Amino acid sequence: MTDKAMLIMLDDIYYNEKLNTPKEEKNKDIIIAEEKLKAEATAIPVQLIDRHKTDKRKAEVDLHISALRKDYSNLKSGEIISIQKQYFIDALENGIMNHYKEIVFIHGIGNGVLKEILLNILKTDYDDLAVYNAPFNKYGNGAIVVEVGD
């Protein structure tokens, strides 16, 4: 047979089209990308405590490890407590910094270890904050309320 064939790589068509894009269109893409970067740079970051906001100046933070980490099944109990403790401190500090009035921390019931740790942190480092058990009808014995502001 003497038929002739031509092989065109699809990548070549794609890249040639990109290379032959009119200058105005290339500039438009660059401008859009620059505007997006500027918008991201000037955007107000979402505060940690705002993720848990329930009212104007109130928040509810679930400290169950399943609410904090997706890979919790691979963690040892010491690691879990450490993560929960640090998240508690971070959320509390962020709530204070952002002028929240109160934060409910859901610690769960379990054997009481996490609750005891939280109360010790509050007594030692935040003794000026009011702390009390959260309403039983809503949380059972598994949460505390920390008043962080007026």
N, C-alpha and C. Protein backbone atom coordinates (compact mmCIF):
# COMPACT_ATOMS: atom_id res chain seq x y z
N MET A 1 0.82 -1.16 0.00
CA MET A 1 0.00 0.00 0.00
C MET A 1 0.87 1.24 0.00
N THR A 2 0.37 2.25 -0.63
CA THR A 2 1.11 3.51 -0.71
C THR A 2 0.37 4.65 -0.03
N ASP A 3 -0.62 4.32 0.81
CA ASP A 3 -1.33 5.38 1.52
C ASP A 3 -0.39 6.06 2.50
N LYS A 4 -0.60 7.34 2.59
CA LYS A 4 0.23 8.11 3.51
C LYS A 4 -0.61 8.43 4.74
N ALA A 5 0.07 8.52 5.87
CA ALA A 5 -0.61 8.86 7.12
C ALA A 5 0.18 9.95 7.83
N MET A 6 -0.53 10.67 8.62
CA MET A 6 0.13 11.71 9.39
C MET A 6 -0.25 11.50 10.86
N LEU A 7 0.74 11.60 11.73
CA LEU A 7 0.53 11.42 13.15
C LEU A 7 0.69 12.78 13.83
N ILE A 8 -0.34 13.19 14.53
CA ILE A 8 -0.28 14.47 15.24
C ILE A 8 -0.51 14.16 16.72
N MET A 9 0.46 14.55 17.52
CA MET A 9 0.35 14.34 18.96
C MET A 9 -0.61 15.39 19.53
N LEU A 10 -1.56 14.94 20.34
CA LEU A 10 -2.52 15.87 20.93
C LEU A 10 -1.84 16.90 21.82
N ASP A 11 -0.75 16.49 22.48
CA ASP A 11 0.00 17.45 23.29
C ASP A 11 0.51 18.60 22.43
N ASP A 12 0.96 18.29 21.23
CA ASP A 12 1.47 19.33 20.34
C ASP A 12 0.38 20.35 20.01
N ILE A 13 -0.83 19.86 19.77
CA ILE A 13 -1.94 20.78 19.46
C ILE A 13 -2.21 21.66 20.66
N TYR A 14 -2.25 21.07 21.84
CA TYR A 14 -2.54 21.83 23.07
C TYR A 14 -1.49 22.91 23.28
N TYR A 15 -0.22 22.52 23.22
CA TYR A 15 0.84 23.50 23.49
C TYR A 15 0.95 24.54 22.38
N ASN A 16 0.72 24.15 21.14
CA ASN A 16 0.75 25.14 20.06
C ASN A 16 -0.37 26.15 20.23
N GLU A 17 -1.55 25.67 20.64
CA GLU A 17 -2.65 26.60 20.89
C GLU A 17 -2.29 27.56 22.01
N LYS A 18 -1.65 27.06 23.08
CA LYS A 18 -1.25 27.93 24.18
C LYS A 18 -0.21 28.94 23.71
N LEU A 19 0.73 28.48 22.90
CA LEU A 19 1.78 29.39 22.41
C LEU A 19 1.22 30.43 21.46
N ASN A 20 0.18 30.05 20.73
CA ASN A 20 -0.40 30.98 19.75
C ASN A 20 -1.56 31.80 20.31
N THR A 21 -1.77 31.71 21.61
CA THR A 21 -2.83 32.50 22.24
C THR A 21 -2.50 33.97 22.06
N PRO A 22 -3.47 34.75 21.66
CA PRO A 22 -3.20 36.18 21.49
C PRO A 22 -2.66 36.80 22.78
N LYS A 23 -1.80 37.79 22.61
CA LYS A 23 -1.14 38.43 23.72
C LYS A 23 -2.15 39.00 24.73
N GLU A 24 -3.24 39.55 24.23
CA GLU A 24 -4.25 40.13 25.12
C GLU A 24 -4.82 39.07 26.05
N GLU A 25 -5.05 37.86 25.50
CA GLU A 25 -5.64 36.79 26.29
C GLU A 25 -4.66 36.31 27.35
N LYS A 26 -3.36 36.22 26.99
CA LYS A 26 -2.35 35.84 27.97
C LYS A 26 -2.31 36.87 29.09
N ASN A 27 -2.33 38.13 28.75
CA ASN A 27 -2.29 39.19 29.76
C ASN A 27 -3.51 39.12 30.67
N LYS A 28 -4.66 38.80 30.09
CA LYS A 28 -5.89 38.68 30.87
C LYS A 28 -5.75 37.58 31.93
N ASP A 29 -5.17 36.45 31.54
CA ASP A 29 -4.96 35.35 32.48
C ASP A 29 -4.01 35.76 33.60
N ILE A 30 -2.98 36.50 33.26
CA ILE A 30 -2.01 36.96 34.25
C ILE A 30 -2.68 37.93 35.22
N ILE A 31 -3.48 38.84 34.70
CA ILE A 31 -4.18 39.82 35.54
C ILE A 31 -5.13 39.12 36.50
N ILE A 32 -5.88 38.15 36.00
CA ILE A 32 -6.81 37.40 36.85
C ILE A 32 -6.05 36.68 37.96
N ALA A 33 -4.92 36.05 37.61
CA ALA A 33 -4.12 35.34 38.61
C ALA A 33 -3.57 36.31 39.66
N GLU A 34 -3.11 37.48 39.23
CA GLU A 34 -2.59 38.48 40.17
C GLU A 34 -3.69 38.99 41.09
N GLU A 35 -4.88 39.23 40.55
CA GLU A 35 -6.00 39.70 41.36
C GLU A 35 -6.39 38.65 42.41
N LYS A 36 -6.35 37.39 42.01
CA LYS A 36 -6.68 36.31 42.94
C LYS A 36 -5.67 36.26 44.08
N LEU A 37 -4.39 36.42 43.77
CA LEU A 37 -3.36 36.41 44.80
C LEU A 37 -3.52 37.60 45.75
N LYS A 38 -3.84 38.77 45.21
CA LYS A 38 -4.07 39.94 46.05
C LYS A 38 -5.26 39.72 46.98
N ALA A 39 -6.33 39.16 46.45
CA ALA A 39 -7.53 38.91 47.25
C ALA A 39 -7.22 37.94 48.38
N GLU A 40 -6.46 36.90 48.09
CA GLU A 40 -6.10 35.93 49.13
C GLU A 40 -5.22 36.56 50.19
N ALA A 41 -4.32 37.46 49.77
CA ALA A 41 -3.41 38.10 50.71
C ALA A 41 -4.14 39.07 51.64
N THR A 42 -5.20 39.71 51.15
CA THR A 42 -5.91 40.69 51.96
C THR A 42 -7.12 40.11 52.69
N ALA A 43 -7.46 38.86 52.41
CA ALA A 43 -8.61 38.24 53.06
C ALA A 43 -8.35 38.07 54.56
N ILE A 44 -9.37 38.29 55.35
CA ILE A 44 -9.24 38.13 56.79
C ILE A 44 -9.29 36.63 57.09
N PRO A 45 -8.26 36.12 57.75
CA PRO A 45 -8.26 34.68 58.03
C PRO A 45 -9.34 34.33 59.03
N VAL A 46 -9.92 33.16 58.86
CA VAL A 46 -10.94 32.69 59.79
C VAL A 46 -10.23 32.28 61.07
N GLN A 47 -10.69 32.84 62.17
CA GLN A 47 -10.10 32.54 63.46
C GLN A 47 -10.55 31.15 63.92
N LEU A 48 -9.70 30.50 64.67
CA LEU A 48 -10.00 29.16 65.19
C LEU A 48 -11.35 29.16 65.92
N ILE A 49 -11.55 30.11 66.79
CA ILE A 49 -12.77 30.12 67.60
C ILE A 49 -14.01 30.37 66.73
N ASP A 50 -13.87 31.09 65.64
CA ASP A 50 -15.01 31.37 64.77
C ASP A 50 -15.57 30.11 64.11
N ARG A 51 -14.76 29.08 64.01
CA ARG A 51 -15.23 27.81 63.45
C ARG A 51 -16.26 27.15 64.37
N HIS A 52 -16.27 27.57 65.62
CA HIS A 52 -17.13 26.95 66.62
C HIS A 52 -18.22 27.90 67.11
N LYS A 53 -18.37 29.00 66.45
CA LYS A 53 -19.29 30.05 66.87
C LYS A 53 -20.74 29.55 66.85
N THR A 54 -21.47 29.85 67.93
CA THR A 54 -22.87 29.46 68.01
C THR A 54 -23.78 30.68 68.12
N ASP A 55 -23.21 31.79 68.53
CA ASP A 55 -23.95 33.03 68.70
C ASP A 55 -22.95 34.17 68.53
N LYS A 56 -23.41 35.39 68.70
CA LYS A 56 -22.55 36.54 68.45
C LYS A 56 -21.20 36.45 69.15
N ARG A 57 -21.19 36.16 70.43
CA ARG A 57 -19.94 36.09 71.19
C ARG A 57 -19.85 34.80 72.00
N LYS A 58 -20.40 33.73 71.43
CA LYS A 58 -20.39 32.44 72.10
C LYS A 58 -19.92 31.36 71.15
N ALA A 59 -19.30 30.33 71.72
CA ALA A 59 -18.81 29.22 70.90
C ALA A 59 -18.99 27.91 71.66
N GLU A 60 -18.98 26.83 70.90
CA GLU A 60 -19.08 25.49 71.46
C GLU A 60 -17.99 24.65 70.78
N VAL A 61 -17.04 24.19 71.57
CA VAL A 61 -15.89 23.45 71.05
C VAL A 61 -15.98 21.99 71.49
N ASP A 62 -16.10 21.11 70.53
CA ASP A 62 -16.16 19.68 70.82
C ASP A 62 -14.72 19.15 70.86
N LEU A 63 -14.31 18.68 72.02
CA LEU A 63 -12.94 18.18 72.19
C LEU A 63 -12.81 16.67 71.99
N HIS A 64 -13.89 16.01 71.60
CA HIS A 64 -13.76 14.59 71.26
C HIS A 64 -12.73 14.47 70.14
N ILE A 65 -11.87 13.51 70.25
CA ILE A 65 -10.78 13.39 69.27
C ILE A 65 -11.33 13.16 67.86
N SER A 66 -12.46 12.53 67.73
CA SER A 66 -13.06 12.30 66.41
C SER A 66 -13.51 13.60 65.76
N ALA A 67 -13.74 14.63 66.57
CA ALA A 67 -14.11 15.95 66.03
C ALA A 67 -12.87 16.77 65.66
N LEU A 68 -11.71 16.38 66.20
CA LEU A 68 -10.49 17.14 65.97
C LEU A 68 -9.59 16.56 64.89
N ARG A 69 -9.60 15.24 64.77
CA ARG A 69 -8.70 14.58 63.82
C ARG A 69 -9.41 13.45 63.09
N LYS A 70 -9.13 13.34 61.81
CA LYS A 70 -9.70 12.23 61.03
C LYS A 70 -8.93 10.94 61.25
N ASP A 71 -7.64 11.06 61.54
CA ASP A 71 -6.78 9.88 61.68
C ASP A 71 -6.64 9.43 63.14
N TYR A 72 -7.65 9.69 63.95
CA TYR A 72 -7.56 9.43 65.38
C TYR A 72 -7.40 7.96 65.73
N SER A 73 -7.83 7.07 64.87
CA SER A 73 -7.76 5.65 65.20
C SER A 73 -6.31 5.16 65.27
N ASN A 74 -5.39 5.92 64.70
CA ASN A 74 -3.97 5.53 64.72
C ASN A 74 -3.22 6.13 65.90
N LEU A 75 -3.90 6.91 66.75
CA LEU A 75 -3.23 7.62 67.83
C LEU A 75 -3.26 6.83 69.13
N LYS A 76 -2.21 7.02 69.92
CA LYS A 76 -2.15 6.43 71.25
C LYS A 76 -2.88 7.36 72.22
N SER A 77 -3.31 6.83 73.36
CA SER A 77 -4.10 7.63 74.30
C SER A 77 -3.35 8.88 74.78
N GLY A 78 -2.05 8.79 74.96
CA GLY A 78 -1.26 9.96 75.36
C GLY A 78 -1.25 11.03 74.29
N GLU A 79 -1.19 10.61 73.04
CA GLU A 79 -1.24 11.57 71.93
C GLU A 79 -2.61 12.22 71.84
N ILE A 80 -3.64 11.45 72.07
CA ILE A 80 -5.01 11.98 72.01
C ILE A 80 -5.20 13.06 73.06
N ILE A 81 -4.82 12.78 74.29
CA ILE A 81 -4.95 13.76 75.38
C ILE A 81 -4.14 15.01 75.06
N SER A 82 -2.95 14.84 74.52
CA SER A 82 -2.10 15.98 74.18
C SER A 82 -2.74 16.87 73.11
N ILE A 83 -3.33 16.25 72.11
CA ILE A 83 -4.01 17.00 71.04
C ILE A 83 -5.23 17.74 71.60
N GLN A 84 -6.02 17.04 72.42
CA GLN A 84 -7.20 17.66 73.01
C GLN A 84 -6.82 18.83 73.92
N LYS A 85 -5.79 18.65 74.72
CA LYS A 85 -5.32 19.70 75.63
C LYS A 85 -4.86 20.92 74.84
N GLN A 86 -4.06 20.70 73.80
CA GLN A 86 -3.56 21.82 73.01
C GLN A 86 -4.68 22.54 72.28
N TYR A 87 -5.64 21.79 71.78
CA TYR A 87 -6.77 22.41 71.09
C TYR A 87 -7.59 23.25 72.06
N PHE A 88 -7.76 22.75 73.27
CA PHE A 88 -8.46 23.49 74.31
C PHE A 88 -7.76 24.83 74.57
N ILE A 89 -6.46 24.79 74.77
CA ILE A 89 -5.69 26.01 75.05
C ILE A 89 -5.77 26.97 73.86
N ASP A 90 -5.61 26.46 72.65
CA ASP A 90 -5.67 27.30 71.45
C ASP A 90 -7.04 27.96 71.30
N ALA A 91 -8.09 27.19 71.49
CA ALA A 91 -9.45 27.73 71.35
C ALA A 91 -9.74 28.75 72.45
N LEU A 92 -9.31 28.45 73.66
CA LEU A 92 -9.53 29.37 74.78
C LEU A 92 -8.78 30.69 74.54
N GLU A 93 -7.52 30.61 74.19
CA GLU A 93 -6.72 31.80 73.91
C GLU A 93 -7.32 32.61 72.77
N ASN A 94 -7.75 31.92 71.73
CA ASN A 94 -8.34 32.59 70.58
C ASN A 94 -9.67 33.24 70.95
N GLY A 95 -10.43 32.59 71.81
CA GLY A 95 -11.69 33.17 72.29
C GLY A 95 -11.45 34.44 73.10
N ILE A 96 -10.44 34.40 73.95
CA ILE A 96 -10.09 35.58 74.75
C ILE A 96 -9.64 36.71 73.83
N MET A 97 -8.76 36.39 72.91
CA MET A 97 -8.21 37.39 71.99
C MET A 97 -9.29 38.03 71.12
N ASN A 98 -10.32 37.25 70.78
CA ASN A 98 -11.38 37.75 69.90
C ASN A 98 -12.62 38.20 70.66
N HIS A 99 -12.46 38.42 71.95
CA HIS A 99 -13.50 39.02 72.80
C HIS A 99 -14.80 38.22 72.85
N TYR A 100 -14.67 36.91 72.92
CA TYR A 100 -15.86 36.08 73.11
C TYR A 100 -16.33 36.22 74.55
N LYS A 101 -17.60 35.97 74.76
CA LYS A 101 -18.17 36.06 76.11
C LYS A 101 -18.04 34.72 76.83
N GLU A 102 -18.44 33.64 76.16
CA GLU A 102 -18.36 32.32 76.78
C GLU A 102 -18.10 31.24 75.74
N ILE A 103 -17.44 30.21 76.22
CA ILE A 103 -17.13 29.06 75.36
C ILE A 103 -17.52 27.80 76.11
N VAL A 104 -18.30 26.96 75.46
CA VAL A 104 -18.64 25.65 76.00
C VAL A 104 -17.62 24.67 75.44
N PHE A 105 -16.97 23.94 76.33
CA PHE A 105 -16.02 22.91 75.91
C PHE A 105 -16.63 21.56 76.21
N ILE A 106 -16.87 20.79 75.17
CA ILE A 106 -17.44 19.45 75.32
C ILE A 106 -16.28 18.48 75.47
N HIS A 107 -16.14 17.91 76.65
CA HIS A 107 -15.04 17.00 76.93
C HIS A 107 -15.50 15.55 76.95
N GLY A 108 -16.80 15.33 77.01
CA GLY A 108 -17.34 13.97 77.10
C GLY A 108 -17.27 13.47 78.54
N ILE A 109 -17.74 12.25 78.74
CA ILE A 109 -17.77 11.72 80.10
C ILE A 109 -16.55 10.82 80.34
N GLY A 110 -16.44 9.75 79.60
CA GLY A 110 -15.28 8.86 79.75
C GLY A 110 -14.97 8.58 81.20
N ASN A 111 -13.66 8.62 81.53
CA ASN A 111 -13.25 8.37 82.92
C ASN A 111 -12.87 9.66 83.64
N GLY A 112 -13.14 10.81 83.02
CA GLY A 112 -12.93 12.09 83.67
C GLY A 112 -11.55 12.69 83.55
N VAL A 113 -10.66 12.03 82.86
CA VAL A 113 -9.27 12.50 82.75
C VAL A 113 -9.20 13.84 82.02
N LEU A 114 -9.86 13.95 80.88
CA LEU A 114 -9.79 15.20 80.12
C LEU A 114 -10.40 16.35 80.90
N LYS A 115 -11.53 16.13 81.52
CA LYS A 115 -12.17 17.20 82.31
C LYS A 115 -11.23 17.67 83.42
N GLU A 116 -10.59 16.74 84.08
CA GLU A 116 -9.66 17.08 85.17
C GLU A 116 -8.49 17.91 84.63
N ILE A 117 -7.97 17.54 83.48
CA ILE A 117 -6.87 18.29 82.86
C ILE A 117 -7.31 19.71 82.53
N LEU A 118 -8.50 19.84 81.95
CA LEU A 118 -9.01 21.16 81.58
C LEU A 118 -9.18 22.04 82.82
N LEU A 119 -9.78 21.48 83.87
CA LEU A 119 -10.00 22.24 85.10
C LEU A 119 -8.67 22.66 85.75
N ASN A 120 -7.66 21.78 85.69
CA ASN A 120 -6.34 22.12 86.22
C ASN A 120 -5.70 23.26 85.43
N ILE A 121 -5.81 23.22 84.12
CA ILE A 121 -5.27 24.30 83.29
C ILE A 121 -5.96 25.62 83.64
N LEU A 122 -7.28 25.56 83.75
CA LEU A 122 -8.04 26.78 84.07
C LEU A 122 -7.68 27.31 85.45
N LYS A 123 -7.55 26.43 86.43
CA LYS A 123 -7.23 26.85 87.80
C LYS A 123 -5.81 27.42 87.88
N THR A 124 -4.88 26.83 87.13
CA THR A 124 -3.48 27.23 87.20
C THR A 124 -3.19 28.49 86.37
N ASP A 125 -3.68 28.51 85.14
CA ASP A 125 -3.28 29.58 84.21
C ASP A 125 -4.36 30.61 83.92
N TYR A 126 -5.59 30.31 84.27
CA TYR A 126 -6.71 31.21 83.95
C TYR A 126 -7.64 31.34 85.16
N ASP A 127 -7.07 31.54 86.31
CA ASP A 127 -7.87 31.54 87.53
C ASP A 127 -8.85 32.72 87.64
N ASP A 128 -8.71 33.69 86.73
CA ASP A 128 -9.64 34.83 86.74
C ASP A 128 -10.91 34.57 85.93
N LEU A 129 -10.96 33.44 85.24
CA LEU A 129 -12.14 33.11 84.42
C LEU A 129 -13.14 32.29 85.24
N ALA A 130 -14.41 32.58 85.03
CA ALA A 130 -15.46 31.79 85.69
C ALA A 130 -15.66 30.49 84.91
N VAL A 131 -15.76 29.40 85.64
CA VAL A 131 -15.93 28.07 85.04
C VAL A 131 -17.03 27.34 85.79
N TYR A 132 -17.93 26.72 85.03
CA TYR A 132 -18.99 25.93 85.66
C TYR A 132 -19.45 24.84 84.70
N ASN A 133 -20.17 23.88 85.24
CA ASN A 133 -20.69 22.79 84.40
C ASN A 133 -21.72 23.34 83.43
N ALA A 134 -21.67 22.85 82.21
CA ALA A 134 -22.65 23.25 81.20
C ALA A 134 -24.02 22.69 81.58
N PRO A 135 -25.09 23.26 81.04
CA PRO A 135 -26.44 22.77 81.38
C PRO A 135 -26.58 21.26 81.15
N PHE A 136 -27.00 20.58 82.20
CA PHE A 136 -27.13 19.14 82.16
C PHE A 136 -28.12 18.67 81.09
N ASN A 137 -29.23 19.43 80.94
CA ASN A 137 -30.26 19.00 79.99
C ASN A 137 -29.77 19.02 78.55
N LYS A 138 -28.70 19.74 78.27
CA LYS A 138 -28.17 19.79 76.90
C LYS A 138 -26.90 18.94 76.74
N TYR A 139 -26.04 18.92 77.75
CA TYR A 139 -24.73 18.27 77.62
C TYR A 139 -24.51 17.10 78.57
N GLY A 140 -25.44 16.84 79.44
CA GLY A 140 -25.20 15.83 80.45
C GLY A 140 -24.08 16.30 81.35
N ASN A 141 -23.20 15.38 81.74
CA ASN A 141 -22.04 15.74 82.55
C ASN A 141 -20.79 15.92 81.69
N GLY A 142 -20.99 16.09 80.39
CA GLY A 142 -19.85 16.06 79.47
C GLY A 142 -19.34 17.38 78.96
N ALA A 143 -19.64 18.51 79.64
CA ALA A 143 -19.16 19.80 79.13
C ALA A 143 -19.03 20.82 80.26
N ILE A 144 -18.14 21.77 80.03
CA ILE A 144 -18.00 22.89 80.95
C ILE A 144 -18.17 24.20 80.17
N VAL A 145 -18.55 25.24 80.88
CA VAL A 145 -18.67 26.58 80.29
C VAL A 145 -17.57 27.43 80.90
N VAL A 146 -16.86 28.16 80.03
CA VAL A 146 -15.83 29.09 80.49
C VAL A 146 -16.26 30.48 80.06
N GLU A 147 -16.44 31.36 81.02
CA GLU A 147 -16.76 32.76 80.71
C GLU A 147 -15.44 33.49 80.49
N VAL A 148 -15.22 33.95 79.28
CA VAL A 148 -13.94 34.57 78.93
C VAL A 148 -14.03 36.10 78.82
N GLY A 149 -15.22 36.66 78.84
CA GLY A 149 -15.35 38.11 78.71
C GLY A 149 -16.70 38.58 79.19
N ASP A 150 -16.87 39.89 79.14
CA ASP A 150 -18.14 40.51 79.56
C ASP A 150 -19.13 40.59 78.42
